[in-house]
Amino acid sequence: MTERKQVLLRLDPAVYDALARWAAGELRSANAQIEFLLRRALAESGRLPGDAAPIPRRGRPPKSPPPRGDDREHDGREQGG
């Protein structure tokens, strides 16, 4: 995955508050809401590059399976103590 570009953005506090409320209502961060809106505006104007990576999935990454051989329930030892 390529590194994401960081941008400093200055907003009017009232605009930011409205954006943050909107983002919360859609279960996004303010940053994700800004990117979502910018991508939508670019797509609607026909200016979204075809090679733009998709927006990363929200939330925690999926849990990885436990390492092989780490099966403590069935290793022959008594559970208890």
N, C-alpha and C. Protein backbone atom coordinates (compact mmCIF):
# COMPACT_ATOMS: atom_id res chain seq x y z
N MET A 1 0.84 -1.18 0.00
CA MET A 1 0.00 0.00 0.00
C MET A 1 0.89 1.24 0.00
N THR A 2 0.51 2.24 -0.76
CA THR A 2 1.31 3.46 -0.83
C THR A 2 1.00 4.34 0.38
N GLU A 3 1.97 5.15 0.74
CA GLU A 3 1.79 6.05 1.86
C GLU A 3 0.78 7.13 1.49
N ARG A 4 -0.07 7.48 2.43
CA ARG A 4 -1.10 8.48 2.18
C ARG A 4 -0.51 9.88 2.37
N LYS A 5 -0.95 10.81 1.56
CA LYS A 5 -0.48 12.19 1.60
C LYS A 5 -1.12 12.91 2.77
N GLN A 6 -0.32 13.64 3.52
CA GLN A 6 -0.82 14.43 4.64
C GLN A 6 -0.93 15.89 4.20
N VAL A 7 -2.06 16.53 4.57
CA VAL A 7 -2.32 17.90 4.17
C VAL A 7 -2.83 18.68 5.37
N LEU A 8 -2.30 19.86 5.57
CA LEU A 8 -2.79 20.74 6.60
C LEU A 8 -3.96 21.53 6.02
N LEU A 9 -5.10 21.53 6.69
CA LEU A 9 -6.28 22.20 6.20
C LEU A 9 -6.81 23.13 7.28
N ARG A 10 -6.98 24.39 6.94
CA ARG A 10 -7.52 25.37 7.88
C ARG A 10 -8.98 25.61 7.53
N LEU A 11 -9.86 25.45 8.53
CA LEU A 11 -11.29 25.63 8.32
C LEU A 11 -11.86 26.59 9.34
N ASP A 12 -12.91 27.27 8.96
CA ASP A 12 -13.68 28.07 9.90
C ASP A 12 -14.21 27.11 10.98
N PRO A 13 -14.14 27.47 12.25
CA PRO A 13 -14.60 26.57 13.31
C PRO A 13 -16.06 26.11 13.15
N ALA A 14 -16.93 27.00 12.68
CA ALA A 14 -18.32 26.60 12.48
C ALA A 14 -18.45 25.58 11.35
N VAL A 15 -17.65 25.73 10.31
CA VAL A 15 -17.66 24.77 9.20
C VAL A 15 -17.14 23.42 9.70
N TYR A 16 -16.07 23.44 10.49
CA TYR A 16 -15.53 22.19 11.02
C TYR A 16 -16.55 21.50 11.92
N ASP A 17 -17.21 22.26 12.79
CA ASP A 17 -18.21 21.67 13.68
C ASP A 17 -19.33 21.01 12.89
N ALA A 18 -19.81 21.67 11.84
CA ALA A 18 -20.87 21.09 11.01
C ALA A 18 -20.36 19.82 10.33
N LEU A 19 -19.12 19.86 9.82
CA LEU A 19 -18.54 18.70 9.17
C LEU A 19 -18.38 17.55 10.16
N ALA A 20 -17.91 17.84 11.36
CA ALA A 20 -17.71 16.80 12.38
C ALA A 20 -19.04 16.16 12.77
N ARG A 21 -20.11 16.95 12.89
CA ARG A 21 -21.44 16.39 13.20
C ARG A 21 -21.92 15.49 12.06
N TRP A 22 -21.73 15.94 10.83
CA TRP A 22 -22.12 15.16 9.66
C TRP A 22 -21.34 13.85 9.63
N ALA A 23 -20.04 13.93 9.85
CA ALA A 23 -19.20 12.74 9.85
C ALA A 23 -19.64 11.76 10.93
N ALA A 24 -19.91 12.26 12.12
CA ALA A 24 -20.34 11.39 13.22
C ALA A 24 -21.65 10.69 12.88
N GLY A 25 -22.53 11.40 12.21
CA GLY A 25 -23.80 10.80 11.80
C GLY A 25 -23.64 9.68 10.80
N GLU A 26 -22.54 9.68 10.07
CA GLU A 26 -22.26 8.64 9.08
C GLU A 26 -21.16 7.69 9.55
N LEU A 27 -20.85 7.77 10.86
CA LEU A 27 -19.84 6.91 11.49
C LEU A 27 -18.48 7.01 10.81
N ARG A 28 -18.10 8.24 10.49
CA ARG A 28 -16.78 8.51 9.91
C ARG A 28 -16.06 9.52 10.79
N SER A 29 -14.75 9.57 10.64
CA SER A 29 -13.99 10.66 11.25
C SER A 29 -14.16 11.89 10.37
N ALA A 30 -13.81 13.04 10.90
CA ALA A 30 -13.87 14.26 10.09
C ALA A 30 -12.92 14.13 8.89
N ASN A 31 -11.76 13.53 9.10
CA ASN A 31 -10.80 13.34 8.02
C ASN A 31 -11.39 12.45 6.91
N ALA A 32 -12.00 11.34 7.30
CA ALA A 32 -12.59 10.44 6.31
C ALA A 32 -13.75 11.11 5.58
N GLN A 33 -14.51 11.95 6.29
CA GLN A 33 -15.62 12.65 5.66
C GLN A 33 -15.10 13.63 4.61
N ILE A 34 -14.03 14.34 4.93
CA ILE A 34 -13.44 15.27 3.97
C ILE A 34 -12.99 14.52 2.72
N GLU A 35 -12.30 13.39 2.91
CA GLU A 35 -11.83 12.62 1.75
C GLU A 35 -13.02 12.09 0.94
N PHE A 36 -14.05 11.60 1.62
CA PHE A 36 -15.24 11.10 0.94
C PHE A 36 -15.87 12.20 0.08
N LEU A 37 -16.02 13.38 0.65
CA LEU A 37 -16.65 14.48 -0.08
C LEU A 37 -15.78 14.96 -1.24
N LEU A 38 -14.47 15.03 -1.03
CA LEU A 38 -13.58 15.44 -2.12
C LEU A 38 -13.62 14.43 -3.27
N ARG A 39 -13.60 13.13 -2.95
CA ARG A 39 -13.66 12.12 -3.99
C ARG A 39 -14.99 12.19 -4.75
N ARG A 40 -16.08 12.41 -4.02
CA ARG A 40 -17.39 12.50 -4.68
C ARG A 40 -17.43 13.70 -5.61
N ALA A 41 -16.91 14.84 -5.16
CA ALA A 41 -16.89 16.04 -6.00
C ALA A 41 -16.01 15.82 -7.24
N LEU A 42 -14.86 15.19 -7.05
CA LEU A 42 -13.98 14.90 -8.19
C LEU A 42 -14.65 13.95 -9.18
N ALA A 43 -15.32 12.93 -8.68
CA ALA A 43 -16.00 11.97 -9.56
C ALA A 43 -17.13 12.64 -10.33
N GLU A 44 -17.92 13.47 -9.65
CA GLU A 44 -19.04 14.14 -10.30
C GLU A 44 -18.59 15.11 -11.38
N SER A 45 -17.40 15.67 -11.21
CA SER A 45 -16.88 16.61 -12.21
C SER A 45 -16.03 15.92 -13.27
N GLY A 46 -15.89 14.59 -13.15
CA GLY A 46 -15.08 13.84 -14.11
C GLY A 46 -13.60 14.03 -13.91
N ARG A 47 -13.17 14.41 -12.73
CA ARG A 47 -11.75 14.69 -12.47
C ARG A 47 -11.07 13.69 -11.54
N LEU A 48 -11.80 12.67 -11.09
CA LEU A 48 -11.18 11.67 -10.21
C LEU A 48 -10.27 10.79 -11.05
N PRO A 49 -8.98 10.73 -10.72
CA PRO A 49 -8.06 9.90 -11.51
C PRO A 49 -8.47 8.43 -11.44
N GLY A 50 -8.35 7.76 -12.57
CA GLY A 50 -8.69 6.34 -12.61
C GLY A 50 -7.80 5.47 -11.76
N ASP A 51 -6.58 5.94 -11.48
CA ASP A 51 -5.66 5.14 -10.68
C ASP A 51 -5.68 5.51 -9.20
N ALA A 52 -6.68 6.30 -8.77
CA ALA A 52 -6.80 6.65 -7.35
C ALA A 52 -7.15 5.39 -6.57
N ALA A 53 -6.40 5.13 -5.51
CA ALA A 53 -6.67 3.96 -4.68
C ALA A 53 -8.01 4.14 -3.98
N PRO A 54 -8.69 3.03 -3.70
CA PRO A 54 -9.96 3.16 -2.98
C PRO A 54 -9.73 3.66 -1.56
N ILE A 55 -10.78 4.20 -0.97
CA ILE A 55 -10.69 4.65 0.41
C ILE A 55 -10.47 3.42 1.29
N PRO A 56 -9.51 3.48 2.21
CA PRO A 56 -9.28 2.32 3.09
C PRO A 56 -10.52 2.00 3.91
N ARG A 57 -10.71 0.71 4.19
CA ARG A 57 -11.87 0.29 4.98
C ARG A 57 -11.79 0.88 6.37
N ARG A 58 -12.96 1.18 6.92
CA ARG A 58 -13.04 1.74 8.26
C ARG A 58 -12.97 0.62 9.29
N GLY A 59 -12.70 1.01 10.53
CA GLY A 59 -12.73 0.07 11.64
C GLY A 59 -11.42 -0.66 11.83
N ARG A 60 -11.47 -1.60 12.74
CA ARG A 60 -10.29 -2.38 13.05
C ARG A 60 -10.00 -3.38 11.94
N PRO A 61 -8.73 -3.68 11.75
CA PRO A 61 -8.41 -4.71 10.77
C PRO A 61 -8.93 -6.06 11.26
N PRO A 62 -9.18 -7.00 10.35
CA PRO A 62 -9.67 -8.32 10.79
C PRO A 62 -8.64 -9.00 11.68
N LYS A 63 -9.14 -9.79 12.62
CA LYS A 63 -8.24 -10.53 13.50
C LYS A 63 -7.53 -11.59 12.69
N SER A 64 -6.24 -11.71 12.95
CA SER A 64 -5.50 -12.77 12.27
C SER A 64 -5.71 -14.06 13.04
N PRO A 65 -5.69 -15.20 12.36
CA PRO A 65 -5.87 -16.46 13.06
C PRO A 65 -4.71 -16.70 14.01
N PRO A 66 -4.94 -17.46 15.09
CA PRO A 66 -3.83 -17.72 16.02
C PRO A 66 -2.73 -18.51 15.33
N PRO A 67 -1.49 -18.32 15.77
CA PRO A 67 -0.38 -19.06 15.15
C PRO A 67 -0.61 -20.57 15.28
N ARG A 68 -0.16 -21.33 14.30
CA ARG A 68 -0.31 -22.79 14.34
C ARG A 68 0.47 -23.34 15.53
N GLY A 69 -0.10 -24.38 16.15
CA GLY A 69 0.57 -25.00 17.29
C GLY A 69 0.22 -24.33 18.60
N ASP A 70 -0.63 -23.30 18.57
CA ASP A 70 -1.02 -22.60 19.80
C ASP A 70 -2.41 -23.05 20.23
N ASP A 71 -2.68 -24.33 20.18
CA ASP A 71 -3.98 -24.88 20.51
C ASP A 71 -3.93 -25.42 21.93
N ARG A 72 -4.13 -24.57 22.90
CA ARG A 72 -3.98 -24.95 24.31
C ARG A 72 -5.11 -25.83 24.81
N GLU A 73 -6.27 -25.79 24.18
CA GLU A 73 -7.39 -26.61 24.64
C GLU A 73 -7.14 -28.09 24.42
N HIS A 74 -6.41 -28.44 23.38
CA HIS A 74 -6.27 -29.83 23.00
C HIS A 74 -4.81 -30.26 22.96
N ASP A 75 -4.02 -29.79 23.92
CA ASP A 75 -2.60 -30.17 23.89
C ASP A 75 -2.28 -31.32 24.83
N GLY A 76 -3.33 -31.94 25.43
CA GLY A 76 -3.10 -33.10 26.29
C GLY A 76 -2.91 -32.76 27.74
N ARG A 77 -2.75 -31.48 28.07
CA ARG A 77 -2.60 -31.08 29.48
C ARG A 77 -3.94 -30.77 30.09
N GLU A 78 -4.05 -30.94 31.39
CA GLU A 78 -5.29 -30.62 32.09
C GLU A 78 -5.49 -29.12 32.14
N GLN A 79 -6.72 -28.68 31.95
CA GLN A 79 -7.07 -27.26 32.05
C GLN A 79 -7.62 -27.03 33.45
N GLY A 80 -7.02 -26.35 34.28
CA GLY A 80 -7.53 -26.08 35.62
C GLY A 80 -6.38 -25.96 36.57
N GLY A 81 -6.78 -25.72 37.82
CA GLY A 81 -5.62 -25.62 38.60
C GLY A 81 -5.74 -25.28 39.96
